[in-house]
Amino acid sequence: MKKKATRKILYNIELAEQTNDPRLFKKLNNDIWEFRTRYGSQQIRLLAFWDKTDGTNTLVLATHGFIKKVDKIPSNEIERATNIRARYFESKLKR
């Protein structure tokens, strides 16, 4: 990925910390969100979930990213993010 695209993603992450912009985040299901960045003609997507188990802080974890080539998010990408989320919380319980 180009350095400029990476900088744009990091900029959008910082922006998302400050605002609730629906152009940046979209809920895909009960647990998984899509973090959106457009760079040139590319639609870069990070799938993420929230960990609110701390009670005071919320941690947002990105599971993986990909370049979106079609309008709809491929179901295998959502399934992959859901599996990563499940493994994360399972390992957290074992601690």
C-alpha atoms as a PDB file:
ATOM      1  CA  MET A   1       0.000   0.000   0.000  1.00  0.00           C
ATOM      2  CA  LYS A   2       1.251   3.461  -0.766  1.00  0.00           C
ATOM      3  CA  LYS A   3       2.530   5.661   2.059  1.00  0.00           C
ATOM      4  CA  LYS A   4      -0.038   8.338   1.201  1.00  0.00           C
ATOM      5  CA  ALA A   5      -2.877   5.808   1.504  1.00  0.00           C
ATOM      6  CA  THR A   6      -1.528   4.702   4.874  1.00  0.00           C
ATOM      7  CA  ARG A   7      -1.373   8.316   6.047  1.00  0.00           C
ATOM      8  CA  LYS A   8      -4.986   8.840   4.923  1.00  0.00           C
ATOM      9  CA  ILE A   9      -6.118   5.783   6.914  1.00  0.00           C
ATOM     10  CA  LEU A  10      -4.287   7.019  10.027  1.00  0.00           C
ATOM     11  CA  TYR A  11      -5.761  10.484   9.540  1.00  0.00           C
ATOM     12  CA  ASN A  12      -9.275   9.009   9.328  1.00  0.00           C
ATOM     13  CA  ILE A  13      -8.665   6.952  12.477  1.00  0.00           C
ATOM     14  CA  GLU A  14      -7.666  10.115  14.339  1.00  0.00           C
ATOM     15  CA  LEU A  15     -10.718  11.890  12.923  1.00  0.00           C
ATOM     16  CA  ALA A  16     -12.972   9.027  14.048  1.00  0.00           C
ATOM     17  CA  GLU A  17     -11.662   9.464  17.606  1.00  0.00           C
ATOM     18  CA  GLN A  18     -13.019  13.022  17.571  1.00  0.00           C
ATOM     19  CA  THR A  19     -16.332  12.624  15.754  1.00  0.00           C
ATOM     20  CA  ASN A  20     -19.084  10.144  14.974  1.00  0.00           C
ATOM     21  CA  ASP A  21     -18.979  10.497  11.200  1.00  0.00           C
ATOM     22  CA  PRO A  22     -21.176   7.946   9.356  1.00  0.00           C
ATOM     23  CA  ARG A  23     -18.924   8.321   6.306  1.00  0.00           C
ATOM     24  CA  LEU A  24     -16.139   6.697   8.336  1.00  0.00           C
ATOM     25  CA  PHE A  25     -17.992   3.899  10.146  1.00  0.00           C
ATOM     26  CA  LYS A  26     -20.821   1.630   9.091  1.00  0.00           C
ATOM     27  CA  LYS A  27     -22.345  -1.131  11.192  1.00  0.00           C
ATOM     28  CA  LEU A  28     -22.339  -4.429   9.268  1.00  0.00           C
ATOM     29  CA  ASN A  29     -23.960  -6.629  11.928  1.00  0.00           C
ATOM     30  CA  ASN A  30     -24.393  -6.668  15.709  1.00  0.00           C
ATOM     31  CA  ASP A  31     -20.670  -6.966  16.370  1.00  0.00           C
ATOM     32  CA  ILE A  32     -18.700  -5.934  13.287  1.00  0.00           C
ATOM     33  CA  TRP A  33     -18.217  -2.438  11.888  1.00  0.00           C
ATOM     34  CA  GLU A  34     -16.668  -1.269   8.654  1.00  0.00           C
ATOM     35  CA  PHE A  35     -14.137   1.561   8.888  1.00  0.00           C
ATOM     36  CA  ARG A  36     -14.042   3.331   5.534  1.00  0.00           C
ATOM     37  CA  THR A  37     -11.284   5.213   3.777  1.00  0.00           C
ATOM     38  CA  ARG A  38     -11.326   6.349   0.179  1.00  0.00           C
ATOM     39  CA  TYR A  39      -7.977   7.038  -1.396  1.00  0.00           C
ATOM     40  CA  GLY A  40      -8.051   7.973  -5.053  1.00  0.00           C
ATOM     41  CA  SER A  41     -10.186   5.362  -6.756  1.00  0.00           C
ATOM     42  CA  GLN A  42      -9.597   2.769  -4.010  1.00  0.00           C
ATOM     43  CA  GLN A  43     -12.035   1.991  -1.260  1.00  0.00           C
ATOM     44  CA  ILE A  44      -9.948   0.739   1.657  1.00  0.00           C
ATOM     45  CA  ARG A  45     -11.861  -1.054   4.392  1.00  0.00           C
ATOM     46  CA  LEU A  46     -10.887  -2.140   7.886  1.00  0.00           C
ATOM     47  CA  LEU A  47     -13.310  -4.373   9.751  1.00  0.00           C
ATOM     48  CA  ALA A  48     -13.441  -3.753  13.476  1.00  0.00           C
ATOM     49  CA  PHE A  49     -15.230  -4.508  16.734  1.00  0.00           C
ATOM     50  CA  TRP A  50     -15.554  -2.895  20.145  1.00  0.00           C
ATOM     51  CA  ASP A  51     -14.323  -4.264  23.481  1.00  0.00           C
ATOM     52  CA  LYS A  52     -16.276  -2.538  26.254  1.00  0.00           C
ATOM     53  CA  THR A  53     -15.482  -5.096  28.972  1.00  0.00           C
ATOM     54  CA  ASP A  54     -13.216  -2.658  30.860  1.00  0.00           C
ATOM     55  CA  GLY A  55     -16.217  -0.761  32.184  1.00  0.00           C
ATOM     56  CA  THR A  56     -14.651   2.670  31.710  1.00  0.00           C
ATOM     57  CA  ASN A  57     -12.756   2.531  28.420  1.00  0.00           C
ATOM     58  CA  THR A  58     -13.727   1.241  25.008  1.00  0.00           C
ATOM     59  CA  LEU A  59     -11.122  -0.432  22.856  1.00  0.00           C
ATOM     60  CA  VAL A  60     -11.707  -0.576  19.096  1.00  0.00           C
ATOM     61  CA  LEU A  61      -9.872  -3.446  17.416  1.00  0.00           C
ATOM     62  CA  ALA A  62      -9.401  -3.755  13.667  1.00  0.00           C
ATOM     63  CA  THR A  63      -9.446  -7.389  12.591  1.00  0.00           C
ATOM     64  CA  HIS A  64      -8.140  -6.968   9.049  1.00  0.00           C
ATOM     65  CA  GLY A  65      -8.304  -4.742   6.019  1.00  0.00           C
ATOM     66  CA  PHE A  66      -8.862  -5.103   2.304  1.00  0.00           C
ATOM     67  CA  ILE A  67      -9.462  -3.110  -0.845  1.00  0.00           C
ATOM     68  CA  LYS A  68     -13.163  -3.142  -1.592  1.00  0.00           C
ATOM     69  CA  LYS A  69     -13.795  -4.047  -5.223  1.00  0.00           C
ATOM     70  CA  VAL A  70     -17.588  -4.474  -5.196  1.00  0.00           C
ATOM     71  CA  ASP A  71     -20.413  -2.487  -3.613  1.00  0.00           C
ATOM     72  CA  LYS A  72     -21.291  -5.147  -1.060  1.00  0.00           C
ATOM     73  CA  ILE A  73     -18.863  -6.351   1.620  1.00  0.00           C
ATOM     74  CA  PRO A  74     -18.073 -10.010   0.839  1.00  0.00           C
ATOM     75  CA  SER A  75     -19.633 -12.306   3.447  1.00  0.00           C
ATOM     76  CA  ASN A  76     -16.341 -14.193   3.878  1.00  0.00           C
ATOM     77  CA  GLU A  77     -14.710 -10.951   5.063  1.00  0.00           C
ATOM     78  CA  ILE A  78     -17.428 -10.412   7.674  1.00  0.00           C
ATOM     79  CA  GLU A  79     -17.140 -14.065   8.743  1.00  0.00           C
ATOM     80  CA  ARG A  80     -13.380 -13.698   9.076  1.00  0.00           C
ATOM     81  CA  ALA A  81     -13.805 -10.619  11.303  1.00  0.00           C
ATOM     82  CA  THR A  82     -16.446 -12.413  13.394  1.00  0.00           C
ATOM     83  CA  ASN A  83     -14.101 -15.377  13.927  1.00  0.00           C
ATOM     84  CA  ILE A  84     -11.224 -13.103  14.941  1.00  0.00           C
ATOM     85  CA  ARG A  85     -13.534 -11.312  17.392  1.00  0.00           C
ATOM     86  CA  ALA A  86     -14.643 -14.640  18.922  1.00  0.00           C
ATOM     87  CA  ARG A  87     -11.033 -15.815  19.323  1.00  0.00           C
ATOM     88  CA  TYR A  88     -10.099 -12.473  20.911  1.00  0.00           C
ATOM     89  CA  PHE A  89     -12.783 -12.712  23.595  1.00  0.00           C
ATOM     90  CA  GLU A  90     -12.090 -16.421  24.196  1.00  0.00           C
ATOM     91  CA  SER A  91      -8.411 -15.716  24.806  1.00  0.00           C
ATOM     92  CA  LYS A  92      -9.299 -12.766  27.037  1.00  0.00           C
ATOM     93  CA  LEU A  93     -11.483 -15.019  29.219  1.00  0.00           C
ATOM     94  CA  LYS A  94      -8.636 -17.512  29.640  1.00  0.00           C
ATOM     95  CA  ARG A  95      -6.391 -14.881  31.254  1.00  0.00           C
END
